Amino acid sequence: MTPDRREAIVSYMANQLPRLDQIFAALADPTRRAIVMRLCAGEASVGELADPFDMALPSFMKHVHVLELSGLVQSEKSGRVRTCRLSPDALVGAEDWFQQQRAIWEARLDRFEAYVMKLKKEKERAAAMRSSKKTNKTTKRKGTE
């Protein structure tokens, strides 16, 4: 990766960190992850979303509010019904972050593998040298007798 490219990525990621923090904090809770999973199937009213959970509606609404603040969920109220839908664009920053982390770790693993292979070759060479020295000593002894 070129230095210019690395600086652009670091700059982009630094600008995205507060947003990523919100997204990861929102997804850290199993209730909110379940809400997001349900919304993957399509929009739903708050009542429909809250139905499977054993909690008061005001407590459930706090979860919806956190998801809205993170940008993962959008909602609109029509009369007495609030309908929620997933906003998948919010996950683009998280996806970019995961791709960057994956590239970093794959590069580290590649370097580690190269290092292990180098050590293995050095060990094989050393073993071959020891074997060669033993063979030479044995040959010299037989020749002098």
C-alpha atoms as a PDB file:
ATOM      1  CA  MET A   1       0.000   0.000   0.000  1.00  0.00           C
ATOM      2  CA  THR A   2       1.430   3.365  -0.979  1.00  0.00           C
ATOM      3  CA  PRO A   3       1.971   6.066   1.672  1.00  0.00           C
ATOM      4  CA  ASP A   4      -0.549   8.357  -0.070  1.00  0.00           C
ATOM      5  CA  ARG A   5      -3.174   5.608  -0.049  1.00  0.00           C
ATOM      6  CA  ARG A   6      -2.440   4.811   3.614  1.00  0.00           C
ATOM      7  CA  GLU A   7      -2.832   8.491   4.591  1.00  0.00           C
ATOM      8  CA  ALA A   8      -6.144   8.718   2.722  1.00  0.00           C
ATOM      9  CA  ILE A   9      -7.452   5.631   4.496  1.00  0.00           C
ATOM     10  CA  VAL A  10      -6.302   6.845   7.910  1.00  0.00           C
ATOM     11  CA  SER A  11      -7.857  10.261   7.280  1.00  0.00           C
ATOM     12  CA  TYR A  12     -11.124   8.712   6.071  1.00  0.00           C
ATOM     13  CA  MET A  13     -11.255   6.291   9.005  1.00  0.00           C
ATOM     14  CA  ALA A  14     -10.475   9.051  11.538  1.00  0.00           C
ATOM     15  CA  ASN A  15     -13.460  11.004  10.227  1.00  0.00           C
ATOM     16  CA  GLN A  16     -15.643   7.895  10.461  1.00  0.00           C
ATOM     17  CA  LEU A  17     -14.677   6.816  13.991  1.00  0.00           C
ATOM     18  CA  PRO A  18     -17.485   8.584  15.896  1.00  0.00           C
ATOM     19  CA  ARG A  19     -19.995   7.103  13.445  1.00  0.00           C
ATOM     20  CA  LEU A  20     -18.432   3.653  13.785  1.00  0.00           C
ATOM     21  CA  ASP A  21     -18.513   3.962  17.563  1.00  0.00           C
ATOM     22  CA  GLN A  22     -22.239   4.656  17.409  1.00  0.00           C
ATOM     23  CA  ILE A  23     -22.899   1.749  15.058  1.00  0.00           C
ATOM     24  CA  PHE A  24     -20.852  -0.745  17.077  1.00  0.00           C
ATOM     25  CA  ALA A  25     -22.374   0.494  20.343  1.00  0.00           C
ATOM     26  CA  ALA A  26     -25.854   0.095  18.870  1.00  0.00           C
ATOM     27  CA  LEU A  27     -25.086  -3.428  17.665  1.00  0.00           C
ATOM     28  CA  ALA A  28     -23.434  -4.418  20.952  1.00  0.00           C
ATOM     29  CA  ASP A  29     -26.835  -5.055  22.510  1.00  0.00           C
ATOM     30  CA  PRO A  30     -28.617  -8.332  21.629  1.00  0.00           C
ATOM     31  CA  THR A  31     -32.049  -6.669  21.651  1.00  0.00           C
ATOM     32  CA  ARG A  32     -30.933  -4.105  19.103  1.00  0.00           C
ATOM     33  CA  ARG A  33     -29.284  -6.776  16.960  1.00  0.00           C
ATOM     34  CA  ALA A  34     -32.559  -8.702  17.008  1.00  0.00           C
ATOM     35  CA  ILE A  35     -34.435  -5.576  15.930  1.00  0.00           C
ATOM     36  CA  VAL A  36     -32.008  -5.071  13.040  1.00  0.00           C
ATOM     37  CA  MET A  37     -32.360  -8.723  12.018  1.00  0.00           C
ATOM     38  CA  ARG A  38     -36.154  -8.420  12.054  1.00  0.00           C
ATOM     39  CA  LEU A  39     -35.991  -5.264   9.948  1.00  0.00           C
ATOM     40  CA  CYS A  40     -33.894  -7.142   7.369  1.00  0.00           C
ATOM     41  CA  ALA A  41     -37.166  -8.866   6.470  1.00  0.00           C
ATOM     42  CA  GLY A  42     -38.890  -5.518   5.906  1.00  0.00           C
ATOM     43  CA  GLU A  43     -40.294  -2.516   7.721  1.00  0.00           C
ATOM     44  CA  ALA A  44     -42.405  -3.026  10.832  1.00  0.00           C
ATOM     45  CA  SER A  45     -44.287  -1.002  13.397  1.00  0.00           C
ATOM     46  CA  VAL A  46     -42.747  -0.454  16.819  1.00  0.00           C
ATOM     47  CA  GLY A  47     -45.524  -2.626  18.261  1.00  0.00           C
ATOM     48  CA  GLU A  48     -44.623  -5.497  15.942  1.00  0.00           C
ATOM     49  CA  LEU A  49     -40.948  -5.105  16.754  1.00  0.00           C
ATOM     50  CA  ALA A  50     -41.582  -4.956  20.510  1.00  0.00           C
ATOM     51  CA  ASP A  51     -43.924  -7.965  20.594  1.00  0.00           C
ATOM     52  CA  PRO A  52     -41.271 -10.710  21.038  1.00  0.00           C
ATOM     53  CA  PHE A  53     -39.520  -8.849  23.865  1.00  0.00           C
ATOM     54  CA  ASP A  54     -40.504  -8.980  27.515  1.00  0.00           C
ATOM     55  CA  MET A  55     -40.049  -5.280  28.295  1.00  0.00           C
ATOM     56  CA  ALA A  56     -42.132  -2.161  28.684  1.00  0.00           C
ATOM     57  CA  LEU A  57     -42.685  -0.095  25.541  1.00  0.00           C
ATOM     58  CA  PRO A  58     -40.730   2.947  26.870  1.00  0.00           C
ATOM     59  CA  SER A  59     -37.710   0.695  27.482  1.00  0.00           C
ATOM     60  CA  PHE A  60     -38.061  -0.783  24.008  1.00  0.00           C
ATOM     61  CA  MET A  61     -38.294   2.691  22.492  1.00  0.00           C
ATOM     62  CA  LYS A  62     -34.892   3.514  24.013  1.00  0.00           C
ATOM     63  CA  HIS A  63     -33.433   0.698  21.911  1.00  0.00           C
ATOM     64  CA  VAL A  64     -35.147   2.050  18.798  1.00  0.00           C
ATOM     65  CA  HIS A  65     -33.836   5.525  19.615  1.00  0.00           C
ATOM     66  CA  VAL A  66     -30.230   4.240  19.879  1.00  0.00           C
ATOM     67  CA  LEU A  67     -30.623   2.521  16.507  1.00  0.00           C
ATOM     68  CA  GLU A  68     -31.963   5.747  15.006  1.00  0.00           C
ATOM     69  CA  LEU A  69     -29.096   7.819  16.432  1.00  0.00           C
ATOM     70  CA  SER A  70     -26.581   5.395  14.934  1.00  0.00           C
ATOM     71  CA  GLY A  71     -28.283   5.735  11.561  1.00  0.00           C
ATOM     72  CA  LEU A  72     -29.089   2.017  11.318  1.00  0.00           C
ATOM     73  CA  VAL A  73     -32.850   2.542  11.546  1.00  0.00           C
ATOM     74  CA  GLN A  74     -35.199   5.220  10.293  1.00  0.00           C
ATOM     75  CA  SER A  75     -38.722   5.647  11.571  1.00  0.00           C
ATOM     76  CA  GLU A  76     -41.724   7.750  10.749  1.00  0.00           C
ATOM     77  CA  LYS A  77     -44.945   8.278  12.573  1.00  0.00           C
ATOM     78  CA  SER A  78     -48.306   8.119  10.821  1.00  0.00           C
ATOM     79  CA  GLY A  79     -51.138   8.786  13.225  1.00  0.00           C
ATOM     80  CA  ARG A  80     -50.501   6.591  16.273  1.00  0.00           C
ATOM     81  CA  VAL A  81     -48.261   4.107  14.480  1.00  0.00           C
ATOM     82  CA  ARG A  82     -44.472   4.492  14.237  1.00  0.00           C
ATOM     83  CA  THR A  83     -43.011   2.422  11.427  1.00  0.00           C
ATOM     84  CA  CYS A  84     -39.313   1.491  11.355  1.00  0.00           C
ATOM     85  CA  ARG A  85     -37.141   0.439   8.460  1.00  0.00           C
ATOM     86  CA  LEU A  86     -33.522  -0.539   8.141  1.00  0.00           C
ATOM     87  CA  SER A  87     -31.065   1.967   6.684  1.00  0.00           C
ATOM     88  CA  PRO A  88     -28.341  -0.304   5.289  1.00  0.00           C
ATOM     89  CA  ASP A  89     -26.210   2.605   4.058  1.00  0.00           C
ATOM     90  CA  ALA A  90     -25.177   3.174   7.677  1.00  0.00           C
ATOM     91  CA  LEU A  91     -23.282  -0.102   7.575  1.00  0.00           C
ATOM     92  CA  VAL A  92     -21.056   0.988   4.684  1.00  0.00           C
ATOM     93  CA  GLY A  93     -18.586   2.659   7.076  1.00  0.00           C
ATOM     94  CA  ALA A  94     -18.475  -0.443   9.262  1.00  0.00           C
ATOM     95  CA  GLU A  95     -17.989  -2.639   6.217  1.00  0.00           C
ATOM     96  CA  ASP A  96     -15.088  -0.444   5.073  1.00  0.00           C
ATOM     97  CA  TRP A  97     -13.560  -0.672   8.542  1.00  0.00           C
ATOM     98  CA  PHE A  98     -13.836  -4.483   8.512  1.00  0.00           C
ATOM     99  CA  GLN A  99     -12.230  -4.642   5.064  1.00  0.00           C
ATOM    100  CA  GLN A 100      -9.340  -2.489   6.255  1.00  0.00           C
ATOM    101  CA  GLN A 101      -8.863  -4.684   9.329  1.00  0.00           C
ATOM    102  CA  ARG A 102      -8.979  -7.809   7.200  1.00  0.00           C
ATOM    103  CA  ALA A 103      -6.317  -6.425   4.828  1.00  0.00           C
ATOM    104  CA  ILE A 104      -4.074  -5.528   7.768  1.00  0.00           C
ATOM    105  CA  TRP A 105      -4.402  -8.957   9.369  1.00  0.00           C
ATOM    106  CA  GLU A 106      -3.967 -10.830   6.096  1.00  0.00           C
ATOM    107  CA  ALA A 107      -0.747  -8.889   5.462  1.00  0.00           C
ATOM    108  CA  ARG A 108       0.456  -9.699   8.979  1.00  0.00           C
ATOM    109  CA  LEU A 109      -0.354 -13.368   8.529  1.00  0.00           C
ATOM    110  CA  ASP A 110       1.429 -13.406   5.173  1.00  0.00           C
ATOM    111  CA  ARG A 111       4.550 -11.910   6.790  1.00  0.00           C
ATOM    112  CA  PHE A 112       4.314 -14.408   9.651  1.00  0.00           C
ATOM    113  CA  GLU A 113       3.997 -17.310   7.202  1.00  0.00           C
ATOM    114  CA  ALA A 114       7.062 -16.077   5.279  1.00  0.00           C
ATOM    115  CA  TYR A 115       9.000 -15.836   8.555  1.00  0.00           C
ATOM    116  CA  VAL A 116       8.000 -19.367   9.586  1.00  0.00           C
ATOM    117  CA  MET A 117       9.011 -20.715   6.172  1.00  0.00           C
ATOM    118  CA  LYS A 118      12.378 -18.929   6.476  1.00  0.00           C
ATOM    119  CA  LEU A 119      12.968 -20.482   9.903  1.00  0.00           C
ATOM    120  CA  LYS A 120      11.986 -23.896   8.574  1.00  0.00           C
ATOM    121  CA  LYS A 121      14.461 -23.620   5.680  1.00  0.00           C
ATOM    122  CA  GLU A 122      17.223 -22.478   8.052  1.00  0.00           C
ATOM    123  CA  LYS A 123      16.505 -25.423  10.331  1.00  0.00           C
ATOM    124  CA  GLU A 124      16.593 -27.847   7.390  1.00  0.00           C
ATOM    125  CA  ARG A 125      19.916 -26.356   6.203  1.00  0.00           C
ATOM    126  CA  ALA A 126      21.406 -26.652   9.684  1.00  0.00           C
ATOM    127  CA  ALA A 127      20.253 -30.277   9.918  1.00  0.00           C
ATOM    128  CA  ALA A 128      21.756 -31.017   6.495  1.00  0.00           C
ATOM    129  CA  MET A 129      25.041 -29.423   7.556  1.00  0.00           C
ATOM    130  CA  ARG A 130      25.169 -31.523  10.739  1.00  0.00           C
ATOM    131  CA  SER A 131      24.379 -34.642   8.756  1.00  0.00           C
ATOM    132  CA  SER A 132      27.085 -33.783   6.213  1.00  0.00           C
ATOM    133  CA  LYS A 133      29.675 -33.250   8.985  1.00  0.00           C
ATOM    134  CA  LYS A 134      28.810 -36.618  10.586  1.00  0.00           C
ATOM    135  CA  THR A 135      29.161 -38.350   7.219  1.00  0.00           C
ATOM    136  CA  ASN A 136      32.559 -36.696   6.651  1.00  0.00           C
ATOM    137  CA  LYS A 137      33.853 -37.723  10.108  1.00  0.00           C
ATOM    138  CA  THR A 138      32.723 -41.324   9.578  1.00  0.00           C
ATOM    139  CA  THR A 139      34.402 -41.449   6.160  1.00  0.00           C
ATOM    140  CA  LYS A 140      37.681 -40.048   7.532  1.00  0.00           C
ATOM    141  CA  ARG A 141      37.751 -42.631  10.360  1.00  0.00           C
ATOM    142  CA  LYS A 142      37.184 -45.510   7.966  1.00  0.00           C
ATOM    143  CA  GLY A 143      39.907 -44.221   5.645  1.00  0.00           C
ATOM    144  CA  THR A 144      42.552 -43.964   8.401  1.00  0.00           C
ATOM    145  CA  GLU A 145      42.147 -47.486   9.728  1.00  0.00           C
END
